[in-house]
Amino acid sequence: MLSLDDPVTPRSPQTVRGQIAALLAADRQGKAYQQAVQEVVAELREQADIEIFENQLEAVCPAEPS
């Protein structure tokens, strides 16, 4: 069993403590990134002026044959 200050592998300079810290930091960064992206997308959607032209919709999304 490894303790917090043991190397992750025998030839690794990184300790269990360092590996856990790196994983937690990566998780926090990922969550912060996702939140920032969601906020930017929400802001852009509020600013967006979306208009659907039904007569041109068929050219982009052809109807499925019946």
N, C-alpha and C. Protein backbone atom coordinates (compact mmCIF):
# COMPACT_ATOMS: atom_id res chain seq x y z
N MET A 1 0.85 -1.16 0.00
CA MET A 1 0.00 0.00 0.00
C MET A 1 0.91 1.24 0.00
N LEU A 2 0.50 2.25 -0.77
CA LEU A 2 1.30 3.48 -0.89
C LEU A 2 0.82 4.54 0.09
N SER A 3 1.75 5.34 0.55
CA SER A 3 1.38 6.50 1.36
C SER A 3 1.41 7.73 0.44
N LEU A 4 0.96 8.85 0.91
CA LEU A 4 0.87 10.06 0.09
C LEU A 4 2.22 10.53 -0.44
N ASP A 5 3.28 10.25 0.29
CA ASP A 5 4.58 10.75 -0.13
C ASP A 5 5.42 9.70 -0.87
N ASP A 6 4.84 8.56 -1.18
CA ASP A 6 5.53 7.54 -1.97
C ASP A 6 5.46 7.90 -3.44
N PRO A 7 6.46 7.48 -4.22
CA PRO A 7 6.39 7.70 -5.67
C PRO A 7 5.24 6.87 -6.27
N VAL A 8 4.63 7.41 -7.33
CA VAL A 8 3.52 6.71 -7.98
C VAL A 8 4.00 5.37 -8.53
N THR A 9 5.13 5.37 -9.19
CA THR A 9 5.78 4.14 -9.64
C THR A 9 7.22 4.20 -9.18
N PRO A 10 7.90 3.07 -9.12
CA PRO A 10 9.28 3.08 -8.62
C PRO A 10 10.22 4.03 -9.35
N ARG A 11 10.01 4.25 -10.64
CA ARG A 11 10.91 5.11 -11.41
C ARG A 11 10.34 6.52 -11.61
N SER A 12 9.23 6.82 -10.99
CA SER A 12 8.58 8.12 -11.16
C SER A 12 8.99 9.09 -10.06
N PRO A 13 9.32 10.32 -10.43
CA PRO A 13 9.63 11.31 -9.40
C PRO A 13 8.36 11.88 -8.75
N GLN A 14 7.20 11.65 -9.37
CA GLN A 14 5.96 12.20 -8.84
C GLN A 14 5.43 11.32 -7.72
N THR A 15 4.97 11.98 -6.65
CA THR A 15 4.42 11.25 -5.51
C THR A 15 2.92 11.08 -5.68
N VAL A 16 2.37 10.22 -4.85
CA VAL A 16 0.92 10.02 -4.83
C VAL A 16 0.23 11.36 -4.54
N ARG A 17 0.77 12.10 -3.60
CA ARG A 17 0.21 13.41 -3.25
C ARG A 17 0.23 14.35 -4.46
N GLY A 18 1.33 14.37 -5.17
CA GLY A 18 1.45 15.22 -6.35
C GLY A 18 0.48 14.80 -7.45
N GLN A 19 0.32 13.48 -7.63
CA GLN A 19 -0.60 12.97 -8.64
C GLN A 19 -2.04 13.36 -8.30
N ILE A 20 -2.42 13.22 -7.04
CA ILE A 20 -3.77 13.60 -6.62
C ILE A 20 -3.98 15.10 -6.81
N ALA A 21 -2.99 15.90 -6.43
CA ALA A 21 -3.10 17.35 -6.60
C ALA A 21 -3.25 17.72 -8.08
N ALA A 22 -2.49 17.05 -8.95
CA ALA A 22 -2.59 17.33 -10.38
C ALA A 22 -3.95 16.94 -10.92
N LEU A 23 -4.48 15.81 -10.50
CA LEU A 23 -5.81 15.37 -10.96
C LEU A 23 -6.90 16.33 -10.48
N LEU A 24 -6.81 16.77 -9.23
CA LEU A 24 -7.80 17.72 -8.71
C LEU A 24 -7.72 19.06 -9.43
N ALA A 25 -6.51 19.51 -9.71
CA ALA A 25 -6.34 20.78 -10.44
C ALA A 25 -6.91 20.67 -11.85
N ALA A 26 -6.64 19.55 -12.52
CA ALA A 26 -7.17 19.35 -13.87
C ALA A 26 -8.70 19.32 -13.85
N ASP A 27 -9.27 18.69 -12.84
CA ASP A 27 -10.73 18.64 -12.72
C ASP A 27 -11.31 20.04 -12.51
N ARG A 28 -10.69 20.83 -11.65
CA ARG A 28 -11.16 22.21 -11.41
C ARG A 28 -11.04 23.04 -12.67
N GLN A 29 -9.93 22.88 -13.39
CA GLN A 29 -9.74 23.63 -14.64
C GLN A 29 -10.79 23.24 -15.68
N GLY A 30 -11.07 21.96 -15.78
CA GLY A 30 -12.08 21.49 -16.72
C GLY A 30 -13.45 22.04 -16.40
N LYS A 31 -13.80 22.05 -15.13
CA LYS A 31 -15.10 22.60 -14.71
C LYS A 31 -15.17 24.09 -14.97
N ALA A 32 -14.09 24.82 -14.69
CA ALA A 32 -14.06 26.26 -14.94
C ALA A 32 -14.19 26.55 -16.43
N TYR A 33 -13.52 25.75 -17.26
CA TYR A 33 -13.60 25.90 -18.71
C TYR A 33 -15.03 25.67 -19.19
N GLN A 34 -15.65 24.59 -18.74
CA GLN A 34 -17.02 24.29 -19.15
C GLN A 34 -17.98 25.41 -18.75
N GLN A 35 -17.81 25.94 -17.54
CA GLN A 35 -18.67 27.02 -17.08
C GLN A 35 -18.46 28.26 -17.94
N ALA A 36 -17.22 28.58 -18.26
CA ALA A 36 -16.93 29.75 -19.09
C ALA A 36 -17.54 29.59 -20.48
N VAL A 37 -17.44 28.41 -21.05
CA VAL A 37 -18.02 28.16 -22.37
C VAL A 37 -19.53 28.31 -22.31
N GLN A 38 -20.15 27.75 -21.29
CA GLN A 38 -21.61 27.85 -21.16
C GLN A 38 -22.05 29.30 -21.00
N GLU A 39 -21.30 30.09 -20.26
CA GLU A 39 -21.64 31.50 -20.08
C GLU A 39 -21.51 32.27 -21.39
N VAL A 40 -20.44 32.00 -22.14
CA VAL A 40 -20.25 32.69 -23.42
C VAL A 40 -21.35 32.30 -24.40
N VAL A 41 -21.68 31.02 -24.46
CA VAL A 41 -22.74 30.57 -25.36
C VAL A 41 -24.07 31.22 -24.98
N ALA A 42 -24.38 31.28 -23.69
CA ALA A 42 -25.63 31.90 -23.25
C ALA A 42 -25.65 33.38 -23.63
N GLU A 43 -24.54 34.06 -23.46
CA GLU A 43 -24.46 35.47 -23.81
C GLU A 43 -24.64 35.68 -25.31
N LEU A 44 -24.00 34.83 -26.10
CA LEU A 44 -24.12 34.93 -27.56
C LEU A 44 -25.56 34.65 -28.01
N ARG A 45 -26.21 33.70 -27.36
CA ARG A 45 -27.61 33.40 -27.72
C ARG A 45 -28.52 34.57 -27.40
N GLU A 46 -28.23 35.28 -26.31
CA GLU A 46 -29.04 36.46 -25.97
C GLU A 46 -28.87 37.55 -27.02
N GLN A 47 -27.68 37.66 -27.57
CA GLN A 47 -27.39 38.71 -28.54
C GLN A 47 -27.78 38.32 -29.96
N ALA A 48 -28.00 37.04 -30.18
CA ALA A 48 -28.25 36.54 -31.53
C ALA A 48 -29.60 37.03 -32.05
N ASP A 49 -29.63 37.30 -33.33
CA ASP A 49 -30.85 37.67 -34.01
C ASP A 49 -31.10 36.56 -35.03
N ILE A 50 -31.92 35.58 -34.64
CA ILE A 50 -32.13 34.40 -35.46
C ILE A 50 -33.44 34.54 -36.23
N GLU A 51 -33.35 34.32 -37.52
CA GLU A 51 -34.52 34.42 -38.38
C GLU A 51 -34.51 33.20 -39.31
N ILE A 52 -35.61 32.47 -39.34
CA ILE A 52 -35.71 31.27 -40.18
C ILE A 52 -36.53 31.61 -41.41
N PHE A 53 -35.95 31.35 -42.56
CA PHE A 53 -36.63 31.57 -43.83
C PHE A 53 -37.15 30.22 -44.31
N GLU A 54 -38.44 30.00 -44.13
CA GLU A 54 -39.04 28.71 -44.46
C GLU A 54 -38.81 28.33 -45.92
N ASN A 55 -38.84 29.29 -46.84
CA ASN A 55 -38.67 28.97 -48.25
C ASN A 55 -37.25 28.51 -48.57
N GLN A 56 -36.28 28.82 -47.75
CA GLN A 56 -34.90 28.38 -47.98
C GLN A 56 -34.53 27.17 -47.12
N LEU A 57 -35.40 26.80 -46.21
CA LEU A 57 -35.13 25.69 -45.31
C LEU A 57 -35.00 24.37 -46.07
N GLU A 58 -35.80 24.19 -47.12
CA GLU A 58 -35.77 22.95 -47.91
C GLU A 58 -34.41 22.73 -48.56
N ALA A 59 -33.73 23.79 -48.96
CA ALA A 59 -32.41 23.66 -49.60
C ALA A 59 -31.37 23.16 -48.60
N VAL A 60 -31.52 23.53 -47.36
CA VAL A 60 -30.55 23.15 -46.33
C VAL A 60 -30.91 21.80 -45.70
N CYS A 61 -32.19 21.61 -45.44
CA CYS A 61 -32.69 20.38 -44.80
C CYS A 61 -33.77 19.77 -45.68
N PRO A 62 -33.40 19.00 -46.69
CA PRO A 62 -34.41 18.43 -47.59
C PRO A 62 -35.36 17.52 -46.83
N ALA A 63 -36.62 17.56 -47.23
CA ALA A 63 -37.63 16.69 -46.61
C ALA A 63 -37.36 15.25 -46.99
N GLU A 64 -37.63 14.34 -46.08
CA GLU A 64 -37.45 12.93 -46.36
C GLU A 64 -38.57 12.45 -47.28
N PRO A 65 -38.24 11.59 -48.24
CA PRO A 65 -39.28 11.09 -49.13
C PRO A 65 -40.30 10.23 -48.38
N SER A 66 -41.55 10.35 -48.77
CA SER A 66 -42.61 9.58 -48.10
C SER A 66 -42.81 8.24 -48.72
